[in-house]
C-alpha cells in the first residue's frame, strides 16, 4: 500500500511563469497557520529563463540543461488535459495539500473547456502547452505540420486562458528532435521532458500508480521530476502518494523581465 511507503522526499517543486492574478491569494491561503502538518507546502521559488529555449529533464538524447532541482525535490506536472471530470479532482487534491503543479494542456481540449483552463490559473498553477491535437512521433512529421501543431496549441491555450501563458512546452510521448527544439529556441520556449515516469497510460489502479511513481522516484535517487498524466483515477493516485511524502513544494516563475508567451504572428 502506498501509505506504507517510506518518506523519501523532502521538497515538492513547482516550475512556473506568467502568474495569474489569483496566484498570490491562492498562495497566501496556504501559508502560516493555515498550512497543516500533513500539507506539502512550498519550499522555494525557481525562476526559469526560457528566452534561449532550454530543455530540462533527463529523458532526451538532446543536449539539456543541468537540473535545477536539489536532492529530494520533485516537480509535479500533468499532461493532456483539461478534462473537467478529472481536472477538478486533481485541482482539489492539490488545494488540500497546499501545493501547486504545472499543467501542459492540449490546445483543442483547452478550447473545448476554457472554464477549466481558467480554473487552473485561478488556483495558482502554471500553464504550458502540449501541441494542438496531441500527435505522436512529431519528429517524423513534415516541418510545417509539426510547427503548426506547436503554434496552434499555443494559440488555443492562450485563447482559452484569456491571456498570456507560460513559455513552457512538452512534446507528446516525449518525442523531441534537434530540429523541433531548434524551432522552440527561436520562439523562446523552454522544453520540459521528465526524470521519473509514472507509466499511467498502462496502470489503471490509483494505488498501483502511486506505488509505481514512488518507486521511480526512489530509483532516481535524488533529483526527480514526477509526471502523472490525465488518465481516469489519477487524482486518486495523486492523493495517495501525496500523503506519505509530507514534503514541501518549490514555486517557480518566469525570469524577471521576460515576456509571457503569446501566439506567433
Protein backbone atom coordinates (compact mmCIF):
# COMPACT_ATOMS: atom_id res chain seq x y z
CA UNK A 1 0.00 0.00 0.00
CA UNK A 2 1.20 3.48 -0.78
CA UNK A 3 0.58 4.64 2.78
CA UNK A 4 3.34 2.28 3.90
CA UNK A 5 5.97 3.78 1.61
CA UNK A 6 8.93 5.49 3.31
CA UNK A 7 9.14 9.24 3.29
CA UNK A 8 11.79 9.52 0.56
CA UNK A 9 11.06 13.10 -0.48
CA UNK A 10 11.80 16.35 1.30
CA UNK A 11 10.50 19.03 -1.06
CA UNK A 12 8.00 19.39 -3.84
CA UNK A 13 8.97 21.76 -6.63
CA UNK A 14 6.77 23.81 -8.91
CA UNK A 15 8.10 25.45 -12.02
CA UNK A 16 6.02 28.34 -13.23
CA UNK A 17 5.68 31.56 -15.14
CA UNK A 18 3.31 34.39 -16.05
CA UNK A 19 1.29 34.10 -12.87
CA UNK A 20 -2.40 34.89 -12.96
CA UNK A 21 -3.90 37.47 -10.56
CA UNK A 22 -5.28 34.69 -8.36
CA UNK A 23 -1.88 33.20 -7.67
CA UNK A 24 -0.89 35.48 -4.82
CA UNK A 25 -4.14 34.93 -2.93
CA UNK A 26 -4.04 31.19 -3.55
CA UNK A 27 -0.51 31.05 -2.21
CA UNK A 28 -1.37 33.19 0.79
CA UNK A 29 -4.16 30.80 1.73
CA UNK A 30 -1.57 28.07 2.27
CA UNK A 31 0.94 29.89 4.45
CA UNK A 32 1.44 30.36 8.15
CA UNK A 33 -1.05 28.70 10.46
CA UNK A 34 -3.25 27.60 7.56
CA UNK A 35 -0.56 25.20 6.33
CA UNK A 36 -1.34 21.95 8.10
CA UNK A 37 1.23 19.42 9.23
CA UNK A 38 0.10 16.98 6.54
CA UNK A 39 0.36 19.51 3.73
CA UNK A 40 3.11 19.62 1.15
CA UNK A 41 3.51 23.39 1.06
CA UNK A 42 6.23 25.33 -0.77
CA UNK A 43 9.97 25.25 -0.13
CA UNK A 44 11.37 27.79 -2.59
CA UNK A 45 10.78 29.66 -5.82
CA UNK A 46 12.64 28.92 -9.05
CA UNK A 47 12.86 31.45 -11.87
CA UNK A 48 13.03 29.80 -15.30
CA UNK A 49 14.55 31.87 -18.11
CA UNK A 50 13.02 30.41 -21.27
CA UNK A 51 14.39 33.05 -23.63
CA UNK A 52 17.07 30.76 -25.11
CA UNK A 53 14.73 27.77 -25.39
CA UNK A 54 16.42 25.43 -22.88
CA UNK A 55 15.41 21.80 -22.37
CA UNK A 56 15.14 20.30 -18.89
CA UNK A 57 14.84 16.66 -17.83
CA UNK A 58 16.90 13.52 -18.41
CA UNK A 59 14.67 11.62 -20.87
CA UNK A 60 16.12 13.11 -24.05
CA UNK A 61 19.01 12.48 -26.40
CA UNK A 62 19.44 16.18 -26.99
CA UNK A 63 21.78 18.47 -25.10
CA UNK A 64 19.96 19.52 -21.95
CA UNK A 65 20.41 21.94 -19.13
CA UNK A 66 21.73 20.87 -15.72
CA UNK A 67 18.96 20.01 -13.30
CA UNK A 68 17.64 22.96 -11.32
CA UNK A 69 16.48 20.59 -8.58
CA UNK A 70 18.25 19.92 -5.33
CA UNK A 71 18.33 16.41 -3.82
CA UNK A 72 14.87 15.02 -2.99
CA UNK A 73 12.98 17.81 -4.72
CA UNK A 74 10.07 17.00 -7.01
CA UNK A 75 8.16 18.77 -9.75
CA UNK A 76 4.56 17.66 -10.27
CA UNK A 77 3.26 18.02 -13.83
CA UNK A 78 0.07 16.92 -15.56
CA UNK A 79 -0.26 16.45 -19.32
CA UNK A 80 -3.07 16.02 -21.84
CA UNK A 81 -5.92 17.98 -20.28
CA UNK A 82 -8.01 19.80 -19.45
CA UNK A 83 -10.79 17.35 -18.71
CA UNK A 84 -13.30 18.85 -16.25
CA UNK A 85 -14.31 15.48 -14.84
CA UNK A 86 -10.66 14.76 -13.94
CA UNK A 87 -9.00 18.16 -13.67
CA UNK A 88 -11.27 19.43 -10.91
CA UNK A 89 -10.44 16.45 -8.70
CA UNK A 90 -6.73 16.97 -9.32
CA UNK A 91 -7.02 20.66 -8.50
CA UNK A 92 -8.99 19.91 -5.34
CA UNK A 93 -6.35 17.39 -4.25
CA UNK A 94 -3.55 19.90 -4.83
CA UNK A 95 -5.51 22.51 -2.86
CA UNK A 96 -5.94 20.13 0.07
CA UNK A 97 -2.19 19.67 0.21
CA UNK A 98 -1.45 23.38 -0.29
CA UNK A 99 0.72 22.64 -3.29
CA UNK A 100 0.90 23.52 -6.97
CA UNK A 101 1.71 21.84 -10.27
CA UNK A 102 2.49 22.60 -13.89
CA UNK A 103 -0.17 21.68 -16.45
CA UNK A 104 0.78 21.05 -20.09
CA UNK A 105 -2.52 21.44 -21.92
CA UNK A 106 -3.61 20.19 -25.35
CA UNK A 107 -4.93 23.03 -27.49
CA UNK A 108 -8.17 21.53 -28.76
CA UNK A 109 -9.08 20.34 -25.27
CA UNK A 110 -8.38 23.79 -23.87
CA UNK A 111 -10.71 25.28 -26.46
CA UNK A 112 -13.39 22.75 -25.52
CA UNK A 113 -13.12 23.50 -21.79
CA UNK A 114 -11.91 27.10 -21.35
CA UNK A 115 -13.51 27.43 -17.91
CA UNK A 116 -11.31 24.59 -16.65
CA UNK A 117 -8.22 26.25 -18.12
CA UNK A 118 -9.09 29.44 -16.27
CA UNK A 119 -9.65 27.44 -13.08
CA UNK A 120 -6.12 26.00 -13.33
CA UNK A 121 -4.72 29.53 -13.45
CA UNK A 122 -7.08 30.93 -10.83
CA UNK A 123 -5.84 28.31 -8.36
CA UNK A 124 -2.27 29.44 -8.86
CA UNK A 125 -0.87 26.72 -11.10
CA UNK A 126 1.44 27.07 -14.09
CA UNK A 127 0.05 26.54 -17.59
CA UNK A 128 2.16 25.39 -20.55
CA UNK A 129 1.28 23.65 -23.81
CA UNK A 130 1.34 20.14 -25.27
CA UNK A 131 0.55 20.68 -29.00
CA UNK A 132 -2.89 21.27 -30.51
CA UNK A 133 -4.16 17.75 -31.29
CA UNK A 134 -1.65 15.51 -29.46
CA UNK A 135 0.01 13.81 -32.47
CA UNK A 136 2.63 11.16 -31.79
CA UNK A 137 6.04 10.96 -33.50
CA UNK A 138 6.30 14.68 -34.13
CA UNK A 139 9.89 14.31 -35.38
CA UNK A 140 8.51 12.27 -38.31
CA UNK A 141 6.04 14.95 -39.30
CA UNK A 142 6.81 17.49 -42.00
CA UNK A 143 8.38 20.58 -40.51
CA UNK A 144 5.42 22.80 -41.36
CA UNK A 145 2.92 20.39 -39.82
CA UNK A 146 4.96 19.94 -36.64
CA UNK A 147 5.48 23.64 -36.05
CA UNK A 148 1.81 24.27 -36.81
CA UNK A 149 0.92 21.81 -34.03
CA UNK A 150 3.09 23.78 -31.63
CA UNK A 151 1.76 27.18 -32.67
CA UNK A 152 -1.91 26.17 -32.86
CA UNK A 153 -1.57 24.67 -29.40
CA UNK A 154 -0.12 27.90 -28.04
CA UNK A 155 -2.83 29.98 -29.71
CA UNK A 156 -5.62 27.73 -28.44
CA UNK A 157 -4.44 27.55 -24.83
CA UNK A 158 -3.74 31.29 -24.79
CA UNK A 159 -7.24 31.99 -26.09
CA UNK A 160 -8.83 29.63 -23.58
CA UNK A 161 -6.81 31.17 -20.75
CA UNK A 162 -7.87 34.66 -21.75
CA UNK A 163 -4.30 35.92 -21.60
CA UNK A 164 -0.59 35.01 -21.84
CA UNK A 165 0.64 31.65 -20.58
CA UNK A 166 4.00 30.25 -19.52
CA UNK A 167 6.60 29.77 -22.28
CA UNK A 168 6.79 26.06 -21.43
CA UNK A 169 6.25 23.10 -23.78
CA UNK A 170 6.25 19.31 -23.54
CA UNK A 171 6.44 17.00 -26.55
CA UNK A 172 3.77 14.35 -26.88
CA UNK A 173 5.23 10.97 -26.00
CA UNK A 174 8.38 12.92 -25.03
CA UNK A 175 9.40 12.55 -28.71
CA UNK A 176 11.63 15.54 -29.33
CA UNK A 177 14.18 16.25 -32.06
CA UNK A 178 17.03 18.67 -32.63
CA UNK A 179 15.06 20.31 -35.45
CA UNK A 180 11.96 20.98 -33.37
CA UNK A 181 13.97 22.03 -30.34
CA UNK A 182 15.75 24.49 -32.60
CA UNK A 183 12.40 25.95 -33.56
CA UNK A 184 11.33 26.27 -29.93
CA UNK A 185 14.60 28.05 -29.20
CA UNK A 186 13.79 30.67 -31.82
CA UNK A 187 10.45 31.21 -30.06
CA UNK A 188 11.97 31.49 -26.59
CA UNK A 189 10.09 28.46 -25.30
CA UNK A 190 11.54 26.09 -22.69
CA UNK A 191 11.00 22.35 -23.21
CA UNK A 192 10.40 20.01 -20.29
CA UNK A 193 10.89 16.27 -20.51
CA UNK A 194 10.96 14.07 -17.38
CA UNK A 195 13.23 12.21 -14.97
CA UNK A 196 10.68 9.78 -13.49
CA UNK A 197 7.83 8.21 -15.48
CA UNK A 198 4.63 7.04 -13.80
CA UNK A 199 3.52 4.77 -16.70
CA UNK A 200 -0.04 5.87 -16.03
CA UNK A 201 -1.04 5.08 -19.61
CA UNK A 202 -0.75 1.41 -18.66
CA UNK A 203 -1.77 1.46 -14.99
CA UNK A 204 -5.45 1.96 -14.19
CA UNK A 205 -5.38 1.33 -10.44
CA UNK A 206 -4.65 4.55 -8.47
CA UNK A 207 -2.74 2.84 -5.67
CA UNK A 208 -0.61 0.85 -8.11
CA UNK A 209 0.04 4.08 -9.98
CA UNK A 210 1.13 5.74 -6.74
CA UNK A 211 3.39 2.80 -5.90
CA UNK A 212 4.95 2.90 -9.36
CA UNK A 213 5.55 6.64 -9.14
CA UNK A 214 7.15 6.44 -5.71
CA UNK A 215 9.34 3.53 -6.85
CA UNK A 216 10.53 5.59 -9.80
CA UNK A 217 11.34 8.49 -7.52
CA UNK A 218 13.31 6.17 -5.25
CA UNK A 219 15.16 4.73 -8.25
CA UNK A 220 16.34 8.12 -9.46
CA UNK A 221 17.91 8.77 -6.04
CA UNK A 222 17.84 12.49 -5.60
CA UNK A 223 16.58 14.95 -8.18
CA UNK A 224 13.21 13.96 -9.54
CA UNK A 225 10.57 15.22 -11.85
CA UNK A 226 7.34 13.35 -11.23
CA UNK A 227 4.94 13.28 -14.16
CA UNK A 228 1.45 11.90 -13.66
CA UNK A 229 -0.85 12.37 -16.66
CA UNK A 230 -4.56 12.68 -17.28
CA UNK A 231 -5.94 9.15 -17.01
CA UNK A 232 -9.10 8.40 -15.08
CA UNK A 233 -8.25 7.91 -11.42
CA UNK A 234 -5.03 9.91 -11.46
CA UNK A 235 -6.49 12.35 -8.97
CA UNK A 236 -6.85 9.46 -6.53
CA UNK A 237 -3.31 8.35 -7.25
CA UNK A 238 -2.02 11.86 -6.66
CA UNK A 239 -3.78 11.95 -3.31
CA UNK A 240 -2.32 8.57 -2.44
CA UNK A 241 1.30 9.45 -2.90
CA UNK A 242 0.95 12.97 -1.54
CA UNK A 243 0.04 11.82 1.94
CA UNK A 244 3.11 9.74 2.85
CA UNK A 245 5.53 12.19 1.29
CA UNK A 246 4.90 15.01 3.76
CA UNK A 247 7.04 17.28 1.62
CA UNK A 248 7.12 20.93 0.68
CA UNK A 249 6.90 22.38 -2.79
CA UNK A 250 9.04 24.93 -4.61
CA UNK A 251 7.23 27.58 -6.62
CA UNK A 252 8.61 28.78 -9.94
CA UNK A 253 8.03 31.70 -12.26
CA UNK A 254 9.45 33.26 -15.40
CA UNK A 255 12.73 35.10 -15.17
CA UNK A 256 12.19 38.72 -14.18
CA UNK A 257 11.53 40.89 -17.22
CA UNK A 258 10.82 38.01 -19.59
CA UNK A 259 7.77 38.41 -21.78
CA UNK A 260 4.90 36.00 -21.39
CA UNK A 261 4.20 33.53 -24.19
CA UNK A 262 1.67 34.56 -26.79
CA UNK A 263 0.72 33.09 -30.15
CA UNK A 264 3.11 33.85 -33.01
CA UNK A 265 2.05 36.37 -35.60
